[in-house]
């Protein structure tokens, strides 16, 4: 946390020296401050936010990609004649245990067109999802959610020890 504060201070100093308090200028200052602290790592110590920051950016990029793909798919379904959907409800076993992780997973799924988080089990072990498209089998769709969304959320929240167990524990169920 100390290094994040130092990076922010260096970014603010950069913007002050440049004389332009704009977002792009702040981003450049943040990148330069990060690079300086990376070079001074033996003196100031490791930045705890390094890996998580990369995983958070990766999660956002992955979500945007999935958002575009699913938006195009749902739009194509609407504008073409016929009925190509095979809808169903999936029970996804959860390895996420924190309220933040479960909420983030449920919201990212609900924000993706064609899917909707319905409920979480009372024991918080399963998330129930309605999907417009069950492509191959419910088990493969559950595996896809666990190996993409849930794994990336675990990495972004800084739980790398739990990530290896996601694929091992996944025993999907369809409802």
C-alpha atoms as a PDB file:
ATOM      1  CA  UNK A   1       0.000   0.000   0.000  1.00  0.00           C
ATOM      2  CA  UNK A   2       2.943   2.268   0.714  1.00  0.00           C
ATOM      3  CA  UNK A   3       4.191   1.904  -2.872  1.00  0.00           C
ATOM      4  CA  UNK A   4       0.778   2.679  -4.340  1.00  0.00           C
ATOM      5  CA  UNK A   5       0.732   5.910  -2.339  1.00  0.00           C
ATOM      6  CA  UNK A   6       4.251   6.722  -3.531  1.00  0.00           C
ATOM      7  CA  UNK A   7       3.229   6.074  -7.137  1.00  0.00           C
ATOM      8  CA  UNK A   8       0.216   8.369  -6.774  1.00  0.00           C
ATOM      9  CA  UNK A   9       2.389  11.086  -5.215  1.00  0.00           C
ATOM     10  CA  UNK A  10       4.907  10.796  -8.068  1.00  0.00           C
ATOM     11  CA  UNK A  11       2.056  11.009 -10.584  1.00  0.00           C
ATOM     12  CA  UNK A  12       0.739  14.160  -8.902  1.00  0.00           C
ATOM     13  CA  UNK A  13       4.237  15.660  -8.890  1.00  0.00           C
ATOM     14  CA  UNK A  14       4.516  14.857 -12.600  1.00  0.00           C
ATOM     15  CA  UNK A  15       1.236  16.615 -13.377  1.00  0.00           C
ATOM     16  CA  UNK A  16       2.267  19.614 -11.290  1.00  0.00           C
ATOM     17  CA  UNK A  17       5.628  19.897 -13.061  1.00  0.00           C
ATOM     18  CA  UNK A  18       3.914  19.590 -16.453  1.00  0.00           C
ATOM     19  CA  UNK A  19       1.380  22.233 -15.427  1.00  0.00           C
ATOM     20  CA  UNK A  20      -1.556  20.347 -16.929  1.00  0.00           C
ATOM     21  CA  UNK A  21      -3.858  18.470 -14.576  1.00  0.00           C
ATOM     22  CA  UNK A  22      -5.444  16.183 -17.173  1.00  0.00           C
ATOM     23  CA  UNK A  23      -6.220  12.485 -17.019  1.00  0.00           C
ATOM     24  CA  UNK A  24      -3.778  11.512 -19.802  1.00  0.00           C
ATOM     25  CA  UNK A  25      -1.024  13.483 -18.110  1.00  0.00           C
ATOM     26  CA  UNK A  26      -1.814  11.815 -14.781  1.00  0.00           C
ATOM     27  CA  UNK A  27      -1.714   8.373 -16.435  1.00  0.00           C
ATOM     28  CA  UNK A  28       1.707   9.142 -17.908  1.00  0.00           C
ATOM     29  CA  UNK A  29       2.869  10.330 -14.492  1.00  0.00           C
ATOM     30  CA  UNK A  30       1.509   7.165 -12.876  1.00  0.00           C
ATOM     31  CA  UNK A  31       3.350   4.992 -15.408  1.00  0.00           C
ATOM     32  CA  UNK A  32       6.582   6.925 -14.890  1.00  0.00           C
ATOM     33  CA  UNK A  33       6.189   6.782 -11.105  1.00  0.00           C
ATOM     34  CA  UNK A  34       5.603   3.049 -11.315  1.00  0.00           C
ATOM     35  CA  UNK A  35       8.736   2.653 -13.467  1.00  0.00           C
ATOM     36  CA  UNK A  36      10.793   4.681 -10.987  1.00  0.00           C
ATOM     37  CA  UNK A  37       9.596   2.553  -8.067  1.00  0.00           C
ATOM     38  CA  UNK A  38      10.262  -0.572 -10.106  1.00  0.00           C
ATOM     39  CA  UNK A  39      13.873   0.533 -10.530  1.00  0.00           C
ATOM     40  CA  UNK A  40      14.092   1.426  -6.830  1.00  0.00           C
ATOM     41  CA  UNK A  41      12.498  -1.868  -5.711  1.00  0.00           C
ATOM     42  CA  UNK A  42      15.590  -2.916  -3.669  1.00  0.00           C
ATOM     43  CA  UNK A  43      15.286   0.314  -1.674  1.00  0.00           C
ATOM     44  CA  UNK A  44      11.525   0.665  -1.278  1.00  0.00           C
ATOM     45  CA  UNK A  45      10.440  -2.996  -1.376  1.00  0.00           C
ATOM     46  CA  UNK A  46       7.950  -4.873  -3.511  1.00  0.00           C
ATOM     47  CA  UNK A  47       4.752  -3.197  -4.578  1.00  0.00           C
ATOM     48  CA  UNK A  48       1.896  -5.368  -3.368  1.00  0.00           C
ATOM     49  CA  UNK A  49      -0.422  -4.096  -6.051  1.00  0.00           C
ATOM     50  CA  UNK A  50       1.745  -5.165  -9.033  1.00  0.00           C
ATOM     51  CA  UNK A  51       0.208  -8.536  -9.906  1.00  0.00           C
ATOM     52  CA  UNK A  52      -3.307  -7.607  -8.819  1.00  0.00           C
ATOM     53  CA  UNK A  53      -3.255  -4.467 -10.950  1.00  0.00           C
ATOM     54  CA  UNK A  54      -2.345  -6.514 -14.024  1.00  0.00           C
ATOM     55  CA  UNK A  55      -5.051  -9.078 -13.234  1.00  0.00           C
ATOM     56  CA  UNK A  56      -7.634  -6.320 -12.677  1.00  0.00           C
ATOM     57  CA  UNK A  57      -6.824  -4.745 -16.034  1.00  0.00           C
ATOM     58  CA  UNK A  58      -6.968  -8.208 -17.604  1.00  0.00           C
ATOM     59  CA  UNK A  59     -10.391  -8.834 -16.036  1.00  0.00           C
ATOM     60  CA  UNK A  60     -11.737  -5.557 -17.425  1.00  0.00           C
ATOM     61  CA  UNK A  61     -10.359  -6.350 -20.883  1.00  0.00           C
ATOM     62  CA  UNK A  62     -11.783  -9.867 -20.801  1.00  0.00           C
ATOM     63  CA  UNK A  63     -15.181  -8.558 -19.704  1.00  0.00           C
ATOM     64  CA  UNK A  64     -15.267  -5.996 -22.524  1.00  0.00           C
ATOM     65  CA  UNK A  65     -14.414  -8.738 -25.034  1.00  0.00           C
ATOM     66  CA  UNK A  66     -17.172 -11.009 -23.669  1.00  0.00           C
ATOM     67  CA  UNK A  67     -19.592  -8.071 -23.620  1.00  0.00           C
ATOM     68  CA  UNK A  68     -19.001  -7.330 -27.299  1.00  0.00           C
ATOM     69  CA  UNK A  69     -19.203 -11.008 -28.317  1.00  0.00           C
ATOM     70  CA  UNK A  70     -22.434 -11.636 -26.447  1.00  0.00           C
ATOM     71  CA  UNK A  71     -23.995  -8.348 -27.595  1.00  0.00           C
ATOM     72  CA  UNK A  72     -23.375  -9.273 -31.212  1.00  0.00           C
ATOM     73  CA  UNK A  73     -24.763 -12.769 -30.635  1.00  0.00           C
ATOM     74  CA  UNK A  74     -27.954 -11.527 -28.960  1.00  0.00           C
ATOM     75  CA  UNK A  75     -28.423  -8.793 -31.586  1.00  0.00           C
ATOM     76  CA  UNK A  76     -28.017 -11.395 -34.338  1.00  0.00           C
ATOM     77  CA  UNK A  77     -30.650 -13.556 -32.643  1.00  0.00           C
ATOM     78  CA  UNK A  78     -33.057 -10.618 -32.591  1.00  0.00           C
ATOM     79  CA  UNK A  79     -32.623  -9.501 -36.199  1.00  0.00           C
ATOM     80  CA  UNK A  80     -32.583 -12.917 -37.884  1.00  0.00           C
ATOM     81  CA  UNK A  81     -35.653 -15.075 -38.395  1.00  0.00           C
ATOM     82  CA  UNK A  82     -35.947 -18.325 -36.548  1.00  0.00           C
ATOM     83  CA  UNK A  83     -35.094 -19.420 -33.073  1.00  0.00           C
ATOM     84  CA  UNK A  84     -31.483 -20.423 -32.404  1.00  0.00           C
ATOM     85  CA  UNK A  85     -31.496 -20.266 -28.629  1.00  0.00           C
ATOM     86  CA  UNK A  86     -31.294 -23.160 -26.244  1.00  0.00           C
ATOM     87  CA  UNK A  87     -31.904 -21.547 -22.864  1.00  0.00           C
ATOM     88  CA  UNK A  88     -31.375 -23.097 -19.465  1.00  0.00           C
ATOM     89  CA  UNK A  89     -30.515 -22.569 -15.839  1.00  0.00           C
ATOM     90  CA  UNK A  90     -27.027 -23.471 -14.644  1.00  0.00           C
ATOM     91  CA  UNK A  91     -25.846 -24.126 -11.107  1.00  0.00           C
ATOM     92  CA  UNK A  92     -22.246 -22.958 -10.917  1.00  0.00           C
ATOM     93  CA  UNK A  93     -20.277 -24.250  -7.903  1.00  0.00           C
ATOM     94  CA  UNK A  94     -18.465 -21.329  -6.291  1.00  0.00           C
ATOM     95  CA  UNK A  95     -14.889 -21.247  -5.118  1.00  0.00           C
ATOM     96  CA  UNK A  96     -15.231 -17.538  -4.374  1.00  0.00           C
ATOM     97  CA  UNK A  97     -16.130 -17.041  -0.717  1.00  0.00           C
ATOM     98  CA  UNK A  98     -15.941 -13.287  -0.177  1.00  0.00           C
ATOM     99  CA  UNK A  99     -18.992 -11.097  -0.594  1.00  0.00           C
ATOM    100  CA  UNK A 100     -17.050  -8.881  -2.997  1.00  0.00           C
ATOM    101  CA  UNK A 101     -15.990 -11.805  -5.186  1.00  0.00           C
ATOM    102  CA  UNK A 102     -19.449 -13.359  -5.367  1.00  0.00           C
ATOM    103  CA  UNK A 103     -21.093  -9.988  -6.032  1.00  0.00           C
ATOM    104  CA  UNK A 104     -18.575  -9.157  -8.735  1.00  0.00           C
ATOM    105  CA  UNK A 105     -19.116 -12.519 -10.449  1.00  0.00           C
ATOM    106  CA  UNK A 106     -22.905 -12.221 -10.283  1.00  0.00           C
ATOM    107  CA  UNK A 107     -22.854  -8.657 -11.618  1.00  0.00           C
ATOM    108  CA  UNK A 108     -20.431  -9.378 -14.462  1.00  0.00           C
ATOM    109  CA  UNK A 109     -22.602 -12.305 -15.520  1.00  0.00           C
ATOM    110  CA  UNK A 110     -25.773 -10.199 -15.329  1.00  0.00           C
ATOM    111  CA  UNK A 111     -24.185  -7.362 -17.307  1.00  0.00           C
ATOM    112  CA  UNK A 112     -23.280  -9.745 -20.130  1.00  0.00           C
ATOM    113  CA  UNK A 113     -26.182  -9.932 -22.606  1.00  0.00           C
ATOM    114  CA  UNK A 114     -27.772 -13.361 -22.747  1.00  0.00           C
ATOM    115  CA  UNK A 115     -27.009 -14.304 -19.147  1.00  0.00           C
ATOM    116  CA  UNK A 116     -28.587 -13.371 -15.844  1.00  0.00           C
ATOM    117  CA  UNK A 117     -27.633 -14.236 -12.275  1.00  0.00           C
ATOM    118  CA  UNK A 118     -30.757 -15.515 -10.579  1.00  0.00           C
ATOM    119  CA  UNK A 119     -29.832 -16.478  -7.042  1.00  0.00           C
ATOM    120  CA  UNK A 120     -27.159 -17.830  -4.768  1.00  0.00           C
ATOM    121  CA  UNK A 121     -27.719 -20.943  -2.703  1.00  0.00           C
ATOM    122  CA  UNK A 122     -28.266 -20.573   1.028  1.00  0.00           C
ATOM    123  CA  UNK A 123     -24.907 -22.201   1.766  1.00  0.00           C
ATOM    124  CA  UNK A 124     -23.219 -19.848  -0.791  1.00  0.00           C
ATOM    125  CA  UNK A 125     -21.811 -22.826  -2.690  1.00  0.00           C
ATOM    126  CA  UNK A 126     -23.702 -22.335  -5.968  1.00  0.00           C
ATOM    127  CA  UNK A 127     -24.671 -19.414  -8.148  1.00  0.00           C
ATOM    128  CA  UNK A 128     -27.754 -20.002 -10.312  1.00  0.00           C
ATOM    129  CA  UNK A 129     -27.546 -18.454 -13.771  1.00  0.00           C
ATOM    130  CA  UNK A 130     -30.034 -18.256 -16.618  1.00  0.00           C
ATOM    131  CA  UNK A 131     -28.286 -18.504 -19.982  1.00  0.00           C
ATOM    132  CA  UNK A 132     -29.905 -17.888 -23.362  1.00  0.00           C
ATOM    133  CA  UNK A 133     -27.415 -20.183 -25.028  1.00  0.00           C
ATOM    134  CA  UNK A 134     -26.408 -23.586 -23.703  1.00  0.00           C
ATOM    135  CA  UNK A 135     -23.991 -24.307 -26.527  1.00  0.00           C
ATOM    136  CA  UNK A 136     -22.582 -27.758 -25.990  1.00  0.00           C
ATOM    137  CA  UNK A 137     -23.559 -29.075 -22.603  1.00  0.00           C
ATOM    138  CA  UNK A 138     -24.412 -27.462 -19.276  1.00  0.00           C
ATOM    139  CA  UNK A 139     -21.217 -28.916 -17.790  1.00  0.00           C
ATOM    140  CA  UNK A 140     -19.025 -27.248 -20.418  1.00  0.00           C
ATOM    141  CA  UNK A 141     -20.791 -23.910 -19.974  1.00  0.00           C
ATOM    142  CA  UNK A 142     -20.274 -24.095 -16.212  1.00  0.00           C
ATOM    143  CA  UNK A 143     -16.596 -24.952 -16.768  1.00  0.00           C
ATOM    144  CA  UNK A 144     -16.302 -21.948 -19.079  1.00  0.00           C
ATOM    145  CA  UNK A 145     -17.682 -19.610 -16.400  1.00  0.00           C
ATOM    146  CA  UNK A 146     -15.396 -21.067 -13.735  1.00  0.00           C
ATOM    147  CA  UNK A 147     -12.264 -21.057 -15.888  1.00  0.00           C
ATOM    148  CA  UNK A 148     -12.787 -17.555 -17.230  1.00  0.00           C
ATOM    149  CA  UNK A 149     -14.836 -15.253 -15.027  1.00  0.00           C
ATOM    150  CA  UNK A 150     -14.325 -16.861 -11.607  1.00  0.00           C
ATOM    151  CA  UNK A 151     -10.613 -17.563 -12.067  1.00  0.00           C
ATOM    152  CA  UNK A 152      -9.943 -14.010 -13.274  1.00  0.00           C
ATOM    153  CA  UNK A 153     -11.904 -12.529 -10.372  1.00  0.00           C
ATOM    154  CA  UNK A 154      -9.902 -14.610  -7.883  1.00  0.00           C
ATOM    155  CA  UNK A 155      -6.651 -13.381  -9.407  1.00  0.00           C
ATOM    156  CA  UNK A 156      -7.866  -9.771  -9.498  1.00  0.00           C
ATOM    157  CA  UNK A 157      -8.846  -9.905  -5.837  1.00  0.00           C
ATOM    158  CA  UNK A 158      -5.468 -11.343  -4.897  1.00  0.00           C
ATOM    159  CA  UNK A 159      -6.319 -14.926  -4.016  1.00  0.00           C
ATOM    160  CA  UNK A 160      -3.710 -16.810  -6.097  1.00  0.00           C
ATOM    161  CA  UNK A 161      -3.622 -19.809  -3.745  1.00  0.00           C
ATOM    162  CA  UNK A 162      -7.278 -20.525  -4.426  1.00  0.00           C
ATOM    163  CA  UNK A 163      -6.976 -20.324  -8.209  1.00  0.00           C
ATOM    164  CA  UNK A 164      -5.485 -23.774  -8.693  1.00  0.00           C
ATOM    165  CA  UNK A 165      -8.459 -25.352  -6.953  1.00  0.00           C
ATOM    166  CA  UNK A 166     -11.045 -23.823  -9.297  1.00  0.00           C
ATOM    167  CA  UNK A 167     -10.650 -26.398 -12.056  1.00  0.00           C
ATOM    168  CA  UNK A 168     -10.070 -29.253  -9.603  1.00  0.00           C
ATOM    169  CA  UNK A 169     -13.212 -28.658  -7.565  1.00  0.00           C
ATOM    170  CA  UNK A 170     -15.585 -27.887 -10.416  1.00  0.00           C
ATOM    171  CA  UNK A 171     -18.358 -30.457 -10.477  1.00  0.00           C
ATOM    172  CA  UNK A 172     -20.991 -28.665 -12.499  1.00  0.00           C
ATOM    173  CA  UNK A 173     -24.651 -29.306 -12.114  1.00  0.00           C
ATOM    174  CA  UNK A 174     -27.494 -28.248 -14.320  1.00  0.00           C
ATOM    175  CA  UNK A 175     -30.917 -27.507 -13.007  1.00  0.00           C
END
